[in-house]
C-alpha atoms as a PDB file:
ATOM      1  CA  MET A   1      47.859 121.558 114.679  1.00  0.00           C
ATOM      2  CA  GLY A   2      49.087 120.895 118.257  1.00  0.00           C
ATOM      3  CA  VAL A   3      48.616 117.145 117.739  1.00  0.00           C
ATOM      4  CA  VAL A   4      48.560 116.820 113.953  1.00  0.00           C
ATOM      5  CA  LEU A   5      52.076 118.100 113.321  1.00  0.00           C
ATOM      6  CA  PRO A   6      53.941 115.771 115.716  1.00  0.00           C
ATOM      7  CA  VAL A   7      51.815 112.845 114.530  1.00  0.00           C
ATOM      8  CA  LEU A   8      52.722 113.509 110.888  1.00  0.00           C
ATOM      9  CA  PHE A   9      56.424 113.820 111.738  1.00  0.00           C
ATOM     10  CA  ALA A  10      56.260 110.623 113.806  1.00  0.00           C
ATOM     11  CA  LEU A  11      54.546 108.699 110.990  1.00  0.00           C
ATOM     12  CA  PHE A  12      57.244 109.817 108.556  1.00  0.00           C
ATOM     13  CA  ALA A  13      59.915 108.698 111.024  1.00  0.00           C
ATOM     14  CA  ALA A  14      58.209 105.323 111.556  1.00  0.00           C
ATOM     15  CA  LEU A  15      58.014 104.756 107.793  1.00  0.00           C
ATOM     16  CA  SER A  16      61.688 105.662 107.378  1.00  0.00           C
ATOM     17  CA  ASN A  17      62.627 103.371 110.262  1.00  0.00           C
ATOM     18  CA  ALA A  18      60.646 100.556 108.658  1.00  0.00           C
ATOM     19  CA  LEU A  19      62.575 100.979 105.417  1.00  0.00           C
ATOM     20  CA  ALA A  20      65.816 100.991 107.403  1.00  0.00           C
ATOM     21  CA  THR A  21      64.798  97.793 109.210  1.00  0.00           C
ATOM     22  CA  VAL A  22      64.158  95.963 105.942  1.00  0.00           C
ATOM     23  CA  LEU A  23      67.460  97.090 104.417  1.00  0.00           C
ATOM     24  CA  GLN A  24      69.530  96.517 107.561  1.00  0.00           C
ATOM     25  CA  ARG A  25      68.131  93.045 108.157  1.00  0.00           C
ATOM     26  CA  ARG A  26      68.902  92.020 104.593  1.00  0.00           C
ATOM     27  CA  ALA A  27      72.469  93.243 105.107  1.00  0.00           C
ATOM     28  CA  ALA A  28      72.873  91.722 108.592  1.00  0.00           C
ATOM     29  CA  LEU A  29      72.068  88.249 107.292  1.00  0.00           C
ATOM     30  CA  THR A  30      74.897  88.433 104.713  1.00  0.00           C
ATOM     31  CA  VAL A  31      77.755  88.835 107.198  1.00  0.00           C
ATOM     32  CA  PRO A  32      79.308  86.191 109.501  1.00  0.00           C
ATOM     33  CA  GLN A  33      77.341  85.688 112.688  1.00  0.00           C
ATOM     34  CA  SER A  34      79.061  86.624 115.958  1.00  0.00           C
ATOM     35  CA  GLN A  35      78.568  84.803 119.244  1.00  0.00           C
ATOM     36  CA  ALA A  36      79.680  87.817 121.293  1.00  0.00           C
ATOM     37  CA  PHE A  37      79.317  91.577 121.006  1.00  0.00           C
ATOM     38  CA  ARG A  38      81.521  92.582 118.061  1.00  0.00           C
ATOM     39  CA  PHE A  39      82.237  96.165 116.982  1.00  0.00           C
ATOM     40  CA  GLY A  40      83.729  94.777 113.754  1.00  0.00           C
ATOM     41  CA  LEU A  41      80.217  93.821 112.682  1.00  0.00           C
ATOM     42  CA  VAL A  42      79.632  97.426 111.603  1.00  0.00           C
ATOM     43  CA  LEU A  43      82.848  97.372 109.527  1.00  0.00           C
ATOM     44  CA  ASP A  44      81.564  94.280 107.722  1.00  0.00           C
ATOM     45  CA  LEU A  45      78.214  95.957 107.120  1.00  0.00           C
ATOM     46  CA  LEU A  46      79.835  99.121 105.762  1.00  0.00           C
ATOM     47  CA  ARG A  47      80.855  97.081 102.709  1.00  0.00           C
ATOM     48  CA  ARG A  48      77.188  96.364 101.942  1.00  0.00           C
ATOM     49  CA  PRO A  49      75.491  99.129  99.902  1.00  0.00           C
ATOM     50  CA  VAL A  50      72.077  97.954 101.089  1.00  0.00           C
ATOM     51  CA  TRP A  51      73.149  98.614 104.700  1.00  0.00           C
ATOM     52  CA  LEU A  52      74.330 102.114 103.787  1.00  0.00           C
ATOM     53  CA  GLY A  53      70.904 102.713 102.266  1.00  0.00           C
ATOM     54  CA  GLY A  54      69.424 101.643 105.578  1.00  0.00           C
ATOM     55  CA  ILE A  55      71.630 104.140 107.416  1.00  0.00           C
ATOM     56  CA  LEU A  56      70.363 106.949 105.172  1.00  0.00           C
ATOM     57  CA  ALA A  57      66.831 105.897 106.068  1.00  0.00           C
ATOM     58  CA  VAL A  58      67.820 105.960 109.757  1.00  0.00           C
ATOM     59  CA  ILE A  59      69.088 109.536 109.354  1.00  0.00           C
ATOM     60  CA  ALA A  60      65.810 110.578 107.729  1.00  0.00           C
ATOM     61  CA  ALA A  61      63.906 108.873 110.539  1.00  0.00           C
ATOM     62  CA  GLY A  62      66.022 110.693 113.118  1.00  0.00           C
ATOM     63  CA  ALA A  63      65.193 114.043 111.551  1.00  0.00           C
ATOM     64  CA  GLY A  64      61.478 113.216 111.539  1.00  0.00           C
ATOM     65  CA  GLN A  65      61.626 111.994 115.128  1.00  0.00           C
ATOM     66  CA  ALA A  66      63.450 115.129 116.274  1.00  0.00           C
ATOM     67  CA  ALA A  67      60.795 117.312 114.659  1.00  0.00           C
ATOM     68  CA  ALA A  68      58.024 115.226 116.231  1.00  0.00           C
ATOM     69  CA  LEU A  69      59.567 115.383 119.702  1.00  0.00           C
ATOM     70  CA  ALA A  70      60.165 119.133 119.392  1.00  0.00           C
ATOM     71  CA  THR A  71      56.463 119.687 118.700  1.00  0.00           C
ATOM     72  CA  GLY A  72      54.739 116.950 120.710  1.00  0.00           C
ATOM     73  CA  ALA A  73      54.809 114.928 123.923  1.00  0.00           C
ATOM     74  CA  LEU A  74      57.042 111.879 124.293  1.00  0.00           C
ATOM     75  CA  VAL A  75      54.043 109.757 125.336  1.00  0.00           C
ATOM     76  CA  LEU A  76      52.304 110.717 122.075  1.00  0.00           C
ATOM     77  CA  VAL A  77      55.208 110.449 119.644  1.00  0.00           C
ATOM     78  CA  GLN A  78      57.002 107.255 120.669  1.00  0.00           C
ATOM     79  CA  PRO A  79      53.992 104.889 120.775  1.00  0.00           C
ATOM     80  CA  LEU A  80      53.361 105.768 117.118  1.00  0.00           C
ATOM     81  CA  PHE A  81      56.576 103.908 116.295  1.00  0.00           C
ATOM     82  CA  VAL A  82      54.603 100.706 116.914  1.00  0.00           C
ATOM     83  CA  LEU A  83      53.504 101.236 113.300  1.00  0.00           C
ATOM     84  CA  GLU A  84      57.077 100.582 112.187  1.00  0.00           C
ATOM     85  CA  LEU A  85      56.464  96.811 112.124  1.00  0.00           C
ATOM     86  CA  PRO A  86      53.385  96.931 109.857  1.00  0.00           C
ATOM     87  CA  PHE A  87      55.218  99.387 107.611  1.00  0.00           C
ATOM     88  CA  ALA A  88      58.272  97.088 107.517  1.00  0.00           C
ATOM     89  CA  LEU A  89      56.219  94.070 106.457  1.00  0.00           C
ATOM     90  CA  LEU A  90      54.442  96.076 103.775  1.00  0.00           C
ATOM     91  CA  ILE A  91      57.756  97.352 102.413  1.00  0.00           C
ATOM     92  CA  ALA A  92      59.259  93.851 102.555  1.00  0.00           C
ATOM     93  CA  SER A  93      56.302  92.483 100.607  1.00  0.00           C
ATOM     94  CA  LEU A  94      56.859  95.101  97.905  1.00  0.00           C
ATOM     95  CA  VAL A  95      60.593  94.368  97.767  1.00  0.00           C
ATOM     96  CA  THR A  96      60.106  90.600  97.539  1.00  0.00           C
ATOM     97  CA  ARG A  97      56.909  90.900  95.447  1.00  0.00           C
ATOM     98  CA  HIS A  98      55.070  88.567  97.823  1.00  0.00           C
ATOM     99  CA  ARG A  99      51.412  89.289  98.527  1.00  0.00           C
ATOM    100  CA  LEU A 100      50.551  89.507 102.206  1.00  0.00           C
ATOM    101  CA  PRO A 101      47.924  86.993 103.383  1.00  0.00           C
ATOM    102  CA  GLY A 102      44.647  88.049 104.952  1.00  0.00           C
ATOM    103  CA  ALA A 103      45.888  87.193 108.449  1.00  0.00           C
ATOM    104  CA  VAL A 104      48.602  89.835 108.114  1.00  0.00           C
ATOM    105  CA  TRP A 105      46.107  92.492 107.085  1.00  0.00           C
ATOM    106  CA  ARG A 106      43.919  91.577 110.084  1.00  0.00           C
ATOM    107  CA  ALA A 107      46.967  91.926 112.333  1.00  0.00           C
ATOM    108  CA  VAL A 108      47.746  95.330 110.797  1.00  0.00           C
ATOM    109  CA  ALA A 109      44.151  96.386 111.476  1.00  0.00           C
ATOM    110  CA  ALA A 110      44.503  95.233 115.107  1.00  0.00           C
ATOM    111  CA  VAL A 111      47.681  97.281 115.602  1.00  0.00           C
ATOM    112  CA  VAL A 112      46.197 100.423 114.035  1.00  0.00           C
ATOM    113  CA  ALA A 113      42.884 100.102 115.888  1.00  0.00           C
ATOM    114  CA  GLY A 114      44.624  99.327 119.172  1.00  0.00           C
ATOM    115  CA  LEU A 115      47.007 102.257 118.826  1.00  0.00           C
ATOM    116  CA  GLY A 116      44.182 104.639 117.980  1.00  0.00           C
ATOM    117  CA  LEU A 117      42.080 103.401 120.902  1.00  0.00           C
ATOM    118  CA  ALA A 118      44.963 103.546 123.401  1.00  0.00           C
ATOM    119  CA  LEU A 119      46.044 107.055 122.406  1.00  0.00           C
ATOM    120  CA  ALA A 120      42.480 108.385 122.287  1.00  0.00           C
ATOM    121  CA  ALA A 121      41.732 106.937 125.727  1.00  0.00           C
ATOM    122  CA  ALA A 122      45.040 108.120 127.193  1.00  0.00           C
ATOM    123  CA  SER A 123      44.754 111.615 125.692  1.00  0.00           C
ATOM    124  CA  PRO A 124      48.418 112.370 126.484  1.00  0.00           C
ATOM    125  CA  ASP A 125      49.223 115.969 127.377  1.00  0.00           C
ATOM    126  CA  GLY A 126      51.945 118.036 128.983  1.00  0.00           C
ATOM    127  CA  ASN A 127      55.115 119.021 127.178  1.00  0.00           C
ATOM    128  CA  ARG A 128      57.890 120.183 129.523  1.00  0.00           C
ATOM    129  CA  THR A 129      60.732 121.726 127.524  1.00  0.00           C
ATOM    130  CA  HIS A 130      63.711 120.869 129.734  1.00  0.00           C
ATOM    131  CA  VAL A 131      64.368 118.320 132.487  1.00  0.00           C
ATOM    132  CA  PRO A 132      66.368 119.064 135.688  1.00  0.00           C
ATOM    133  CA  LEU A 133      69.668 117.230 136.035  1.00  0.00           C
ATOM    134  CA  ASP A 134      68.609 115.357 139.187  1.00  0.00           C
ATOM    135  CA  ARG A 135      65.780 113.697 137.276  1.00  0.00           C
ATOM    136  CA  TRP A 136      68.140 112.778 134.471  1.00  0.00           C
ATOM    137  CA  LEU A 137      70.615 111.072 136.786  1.00  0.00           C
ATOM    138  CA  SER A 138      68.119 108.496 138.055  1.00  0.00           C
ATOM    139  CA  ALA A 139      66.745 107.888 134.545  1.00  0.00           C
ATOM    140  CA  LEU A 140      70.212 107.473 133.023  1.00  0.00           C
ATOM    141  CA  VAL A 141      71.361 105.048 135.709  1.00  0.00           C
ATOM    142  CA  GLY A 142      68.158 103.007 135.537  1.00  0.00           C
ATOM    143  CA  CYS A 143      68.120 102.758 131.738  1.00  0.00           C
ATOM    144  CA  ALA A 144      71.844 101.985 131.526  1.00  0.00           C
ATOM    145  CA  ALA A 145      71.514  99.206 134.110  1.00  0.00           C
ATOM    146  CA  ALA A 146      68.454  97.705 132.370  1.00  0.00           C
ATOM    147  CA  ALA A 147      70.041  97.812 128.900  1.00  0.00           C
ATOM    148  CA  ALA A 148      73.314  96.312 130.153  1.00  0.00           C
ATOM    149  CA  ALA A 149      71.552  93.512 132.042  1.00  0.00           C
ATOM    150  CA  LEU A 150      69.374  92.615 129.046  1.00  0.00           C
ATOM    151  CA  ALA A 151      72.316  92.735 126.633  1.00  0.00           C
ATOM    152  CA  LEU A 152      74.466  90.516 128.845  1.00  0.00           C
ATOM    153  CA  ALA A 153      71.602  88.069 129.333  1.00  0.00           C
ATOM    154  CA  GLY A 154      71.121  87.864 125.573  1.00  0.00           C
ATOM    155  CA  LEU A 155      74.796  87.496 124.700  1.00  0.00           C
ATOM    156  CA  ARG A 156      75.170  84.630 127.185  1.00  0.00           C
ATOM    157  CA  ARG A 157      72.559  82.620 125.302  1.00  0.00           C
ATOM    158  CA  PRO A 158      73.030  80.724 122.035  1.00  0.00           C
ATOM    159  CA  PRO A 159      71.383  82.068 118.860  1.00  0.00           C
ATOM    160  CA  GLY A 160      67.635  81.712 119.139  1.00  0.00           C
ATOM    161  CA  ARG A 161      64.516  83.363 120.488  1.00  0.00           C
ATOM    162  CA  ALA A 162      65.837  84.087 123.988  1.00  0.00           C
ATOM    163  CA  ARG A 163      68.952  85.793 122.636  1.00  0.00           C
ATOM    164  CA  ALA A 164      67.028  87.857 120.086  1.00  0.00           C
ATOM    165  CA  GLY A 165      64.348  88.809 122.608  1.00  0.00           C
ATOM    166  CA  CYS A 166      66.826  90.024 125.226  1.00  0.00           C
ATOM    167  CA  LEU A 167      68.864  91.991 122.694  1.00  0.00           C
ATOM    168  CA  GLY A 168      65.676  93.440 121.202  1.00  0.00           C
ATOM    169  CA  ALA A 169      64.551  94.589 124.651  1.00  0.00           C
ATOM    170  CA  ALA A 170      67.983  96.135 125.344  1.00  0.00           C
ATOM    171  CA  THR A 171      67.738  97.968 122.027  1.00  0.00           C
ATOM    172  CA  ALA A 172      64.282  99.233 123.007  1.00  0.00           C
ATOM    173  CA  VAL A 173      65.612 100.766 126.231  1.00  0.00           C
ATOM    174  CA  CYS A 174      68.370 102.544 124.300  1.00  0.00           C
ATOM    175  CA  TYR A 175      65.920 103.814 121.686  1.00  0.00           C
ATOM    176  CA  ALA A 176      63.570 105.171 124.348  1.00  0.00           C
ATOM    177  CA  LEU A 177      66.395 106.918 126.198  1.00  0.00           C
ATOM    178  CA  THR A 178      67.687 108.340 122.908  1.00  0.00           C
ATOM    179  CA  ALA A 179      64.261 109.853 122.229  1.00  0.00           C
ATOM    180  CA  ALA A 180      64.011 111.305 125.743  1.00  0.00           C
ATOM    181  CA  LEU A 181      67.447 112.947 125.463  1.00  0.00           C
ATOM    182  CA  MET A 182      66.696 114.187 121.949  1.00  0.00           C
ATOM    183  CA  LYS A 183      63.515 115.852 123.196  1.00  0.00           C
ATOM    184  CA  ASP A 184      65.550 117.816 125.733  1.00  0.00           C
ATOM    185  CA  SER A 185      68.284 118.909 123.319  1.00  0.00           C
ATOM    186  CA  VAL A 186      66.444 119.711 120.062  1.00  0.00           C
ATOM    187  CA  PRO A 187      64.604 122.810 121.467  1.00  0.00           C
ATOM    188  CA  LEU A 188      68.023 124.352 122.154  1.00  0.00           C
ATOM    189  CA  LEU A 189      68.408 124.902 118.399  1.00  0.00           C
ATOM    190  CA  GLY A 190      65.562 127.387 118.496  1.00  0.00           C
ATOM    191  CA  GLU A 191      66.478 128.892 121.846  1.00  0.00           C
ATOM    192  CA  GLY A 192      70.233 129.386 121.485  1.00  0.00           C
ATOM    193  CA  GLY A 193      71.169 128.246 118.001  1.00  0.00           C
ATOM    194  CA  LEU A 194      73.679 125.615 116.940  1.00  0.00           C
ATOM    195  CA  GLY A 195      76.170 126.646 119.620  1.00  0.00           C
ATOM    196  CA  ALA A 196      73.720 125.920 122.440  1.00  0.00           C
ATOM    197  CA  PHE A 197      72.755 122.610 120.840  1.00  0.00           C
ATOM    198  CA  LEU A 198      76.374 121.474 120.457  1.00  0.00           C
ATOM    199  CA  SER A 199      77.335 122.563 123.970  1.00  0.00           C
ATOM    200  CA  ALA A 200      74.538 120.590 125.689  1.00  0.00           C
ATOM    201  CA  TRP A 201      75.436 117.235 127.248  1.00  0.00           C
ATOM    202  CA  GLN A 202      72.050 115.860 126.154  1.00  0.00           C
ATOM    203  CA  THR A 203      73.115 116.184 122.512  1.00  0.00           C
ATOM    204  CA  TYR A 204      76.100 113.913 123.022  1.00  0.00           C
ATOM    205  CA  GLY A 205      74.017 111.707 125.268  1.00  0.00           C
ATOM    206  CA  PHE A 206      71.433 110.932 122.608  1.00  0.00           C
ATOM    207  CA  ALA A 207      74.184 110.461 120.013  1.00  0.00           C
ATOM    208  CA  ALA A 208      75.935 107.905 122.247  1.00  0.00           C
ATOM    209  CA  CYS A 209      72.662 106.130 123.047  1.00  0.00           C
ATOM    210  CA  GLY A 210      71.815 106.044 119.355  1.00  0.00           C
ATOM    211  CA  VAL A 211      75.132 104.361 118.527  1.00  0.00           C
ATOM    212  CA  CYS A 212      74.568 101.788 121.281  1.00  0.00           C
ATOM    213  CA  ALA A 213      71.052 101.139 119.989  1.00  0.00           C
ATOM    214  CA  LEU A 214      72.377 100.640 116.456  1.00  0.00           C
ATOM    215  CA  LEU A 215      75.004  98.117 117.604  1.00  0.00           C
ATOM    216  CA  LEU A 216      72.486  96.222 119.722  1.00  0.00           C
ATOM    217  CA  LEU A 217      69.955  96.218 116.875  1.00  0.00           C
ATOM    218  CA  GLU A 218      72.384  94.595 114.459  1.00  0.00           C
ATOM    219  CA  HIS A 219      73.199  91.866 116.997  1.00  0.00           C
ATOM    220  CA  ALA A 220      69.498  91.374 117.775  1.00  0.00           C
ATOM    221  CA  MET A 221      68.772  90.888 114.066  1.00  0.00           C
ATOM    222  CA  GLN A 222      71.504  88.277 113.874  1.00  0.00           C
ATOM    223  CA  GLY A 223      70.660  86.694 117.205  1.00  0.00           C
ATOM    224  CA  GLY A 224      67.433  84.964 116.281  1.00  0.00           C
ATOM    225  CA  PRO A 225      64.081  85.152 114.495  1.00  0.00           C
ATOM    226  CA  LEU A 226      62.132  88.351 113.981  1.00  0.00           C
ATOM    227  CA  VAL A 227      59.231  86.890 115.962  1.00  0.00           C
ATOM    228  CA  ALA A 228      61.394  87.163 119.098  1.00  0.00           C
ATOM    229  CA  SER A 229      63.289  90.429 118.617  1.00  0.00           C
ATOM    230  CA  GLN A 230      60.652  92.659 117.015  1.00  0.00           C
ATOM    231  CA  PRO A 231      57.891  92.497 119.653  1.00  0.00           C
ATOM    232  CA  ALA A 232      60.469  93.139 122.393  1.00  0.00           C
ATOM    233  CA  LEU A 233      61.855  96.077 120.435  1.00  0.00           C
ATOM    234  CA  THR A 234      58.539  97.575 119.330  1.00  0.00           C
ATOM    235  CA  LEU A 235      56.557  97.177 122.536  1.00  0.00           C
ATOM    236  CA  GLY A 236      59.554  97.827 124.784  1.00  0.00           C
ATOM    237  CA  ASP A 237      60.339 101.136 123.100  1.00  0.00           C
ATOM    238  CA  ALA A 238      56.764 102.355 123.524  1.00  0.00           C
ATOM    239  CA  THR A 239      56.535 101.196 127.158  1.00  0.00           C
ATOM    240  CA  VAL A 240      59.849 102.681 128.308  1.00  0.00           C
ATOM    241  CA  SER A 241      59.158 105.911 126.396  1.00  0.00           C
ATOM    242  CA  VAL A 242      55.811 106.389 128.131  1.00  0.00           C
ATOM    243  CA  ALA A 243      57.490 105.793 131.511  1.00  0.00           C
ATOM    244  CA  LEU A 244      60.206 108.338 130.719  1.00  0.00           C
ATOM    245  CA  GLY A 245      57.666 110.859 129.447  1.00  0.00           C
ATOM    246  CA  VAL A 246      55.718 110.662 132.688  1.00  0.00           C
ATOM    247  CA  ALA A 247      58.773 110.576 134.981  1.00  0.00           C
ATOM    248  CA  LEU A 248      60.937 113.178 133.233  1.00  0.00           C
ATOM    249  CA  TYR A 249      58.611 115.529 131.379  1.00  0.00           C
ATOM    250  CA  ASP A 250      55.555 115.497 133.672  1.00  0.00           C
ATOM    251  CA  GLU A 251      53.401 114.240 130.798  1.00  0.00           C
ATOM    252  CA  HIS A 252      49.995 112.916 131.796  1.00  0.00           C
ATOM    253  CA  LEU A 253      47.654 110.110 130.774  1.00  0.00           C
ATOM    254  CA  ARG A 254      43.965 109.925 131.619  1.00  0.00           C
ATOM    255  CA  THR A 255      43.105 107.701 134.554  1.00  0.00           C
ATOM    256  CA  GLY A 256      39.861 106.270 135.930  1.00  0.00           C
ATOM    257  CA  TRP A 257      37.739 104.106 133.661  1.00  0.00           C
ATOM    258  CA  TRP A 258      39.780 105.338 130.682  1.00  0.00           C
ATOM    259  CA  VAL A 259      42.491 102.910 131.794  1.00  0.00           C
ATOM    260  CA  LEU A 260      40.254 100.000 130.762  1.00  0.00           C
ATOM    261  CA  LEU A 261      40.092 101.326 127.201  1.00  0.00           C
ATOM    262  CA  GLN A 262      43.842 101.919 127.244  1.00  0.00           C
ATOM    263  CA  LEU A 263      44.431  98.303 128.324  1.00  0.00           C
ATOM    264  CA  LEU A 264      42.092  97.063 125.596  1.00  0.00           C
ATOM    265  CA  GLY A 265      44.027  99.086 123.039  1.00  0.00           C
ATOM    266  CA  ILE A 266      47.348  97.752 124.361  1.00  0.00           C
ATOM    267  CA  ALA A 267      46.001  94.191 124.167  1.00  0.00           C
ATOM    268  CA  LEU A 268      45.054  94.727 120.521  1.00  0.00           C
ATOM    269  CA  ILE A 269      48.498  96.185 119.795  1.00  0.00           C
ATOM    270  CA  CYS A 270      50.300  93.266 121.465  1.00  0.00           C
ATOM    271  CA  THR A 271      48.167  90.714 119.626  1.00  0.00           C
ATOM    272  CA  GLY A 272      48.749  92.421 116.295  1.00  0.00           C
ATOM    273  CA  VAL A 273      52.485  92.966 116.815  1.00  0.00           C
ATOM    274  CA  ILE A 274      53.095  89.325 117.770  1.00  0.00           C
ATOM    275  CA  ALA A 275      51.068  88.137 114.777  1.00  0.00           C
ATOM    276  CA  LEU A 276      52.981  90.489 112.476  1.00  0.00           C
ATOM    277  CA  ALA A 277      56.319  89.365 113.884  1.00  0.00           C
ATOM    278  CA  ARG A 278      55.340  85.751 113.195  1.00  0.00           C
ATOM    279  CA  ALA A 279      54.381  86.773 109.676  1.00  0.00           C
ATOM    280  CA  GLY A 280      57.723  88.537 109.361  1.00  0.00           C
ATOM    281  CA  ALA A 281      59.526  85.333 110.328  1.00  0.00           C
ATOM    282  CA  VAL A 282      57.588  83.471 107.650  1.00  0.00           C
ATOM    283  CA  GLU A 283      58.229  86.182 105.082  1.00  0.00           C
ATOM    284  CA  GLY A 284      61.912  86.082 105.997  1.00  0.00           C
ATOM    285  CA  GLY A 285      61.940  82.416 105.050  1.00  0.00           C
ATOM    286  CA  GLY A 286      65.475  81.133 104.729  1.00  0.00           C
ATOM    287  CA  GLY A 287      66.809  84.520 105.787  1.00  0.00           C
ATOM    288  CA  ASP A 288      65.776  83.980 109.376  1.00  0.00           C
ATOM    289  CA  GLY A 289      67.110  80.494 109.254  1.00  0.00           C
ATOM    290  CA  GLY A 290      70.425  81.854 108.090  1.00  0.00           C
ATOM    291  CA  GLY A 291      70.418  84.350 110.914  1.00  0.00           C
ATOM    292  CA  GLY A 292      69.874  81.681 113.515  1.00  0.00           C
ATOM    293  CA  GLY A 293      72.294  79.138 112.108  1.00  0.00           C
END
C-alpha cells in the first residue's frame, strides 16, 4: 500500500485535472483575447458556467493531489500527471462525440508505457516530511526567477506557438512549486491540526503559487495552440517536480544502467505527449484558431 495509495490518489487528481483542462479551455476561447497579462480575464471567465465547472474539478484535483503527496514521494506523484493529457483528449472526444483515430491511441500507449518504464527503472524512494527553511529559500528564488522570465518572454511575443510554449513552461514551474509546498504543509494537518496547517507559511505559499499557475494557465490557453503549450506544461511540471523532490526532500532515483531505461521511458513519454498535443490541436479545430486569432 506504500506505493498503491499515492498512485491511486494521483490518478484521480490527473483525471480531475484533465476534466478541468477541457472545461477551462472551452471557456477561455469564448472571452476576448488579451495581449498582456490581464487579471480581468478571470472576471470574464467567472461569467461562464463551464469555467466554474472546471474550477470545481480543479478543487477535486487539488484534494487528490494533497492526499497523494501526503502518502507518497514527489518524484513518484508528480510524473503521473503526465497522464492528464491522454485523459483530457479522451474526455474531449466524449464531449464532442468524435472518435479518436488510431494514431492517438498509439500515442496514449507510448505515454503509458514510457511512464511505467521510467518509474519502474527509477524506483523513486525517500519521503522527507519537512524541508529546512534554507533549502526553501534557494528553491523559491530559483523557481520564481524561472517562472517570471518565461512569463515575460511569452508575453512579449505575439499569439502563437512561442507565446503558448513559454507561458505553458512558466505554468509548469508554478505547478511544480505548488506541489512541493503542498507536500510540506499537508502533513501538518495530522501533526498539529487545522491551526498548525493555517499558521504555516507553506500553506499560503502553495495557495499563492496555485493562483499564479491558474492565471498563467488561462493566458497560455489563449496564447496559442495546444500543441505548443501542453507539452511544455506537462513535461515541464514532471521535470521540475523531480528536481525539487531530489533537492528538497532527499528523494532518490536509481542510477547506473537503470538511467538508460529511464531515458528510454522519457523518450517514449515525450514522443507520445507531442503526438497527443498535435492531436489535441486537430481536435480543437476552429477553437484553437480562435484562440490564436
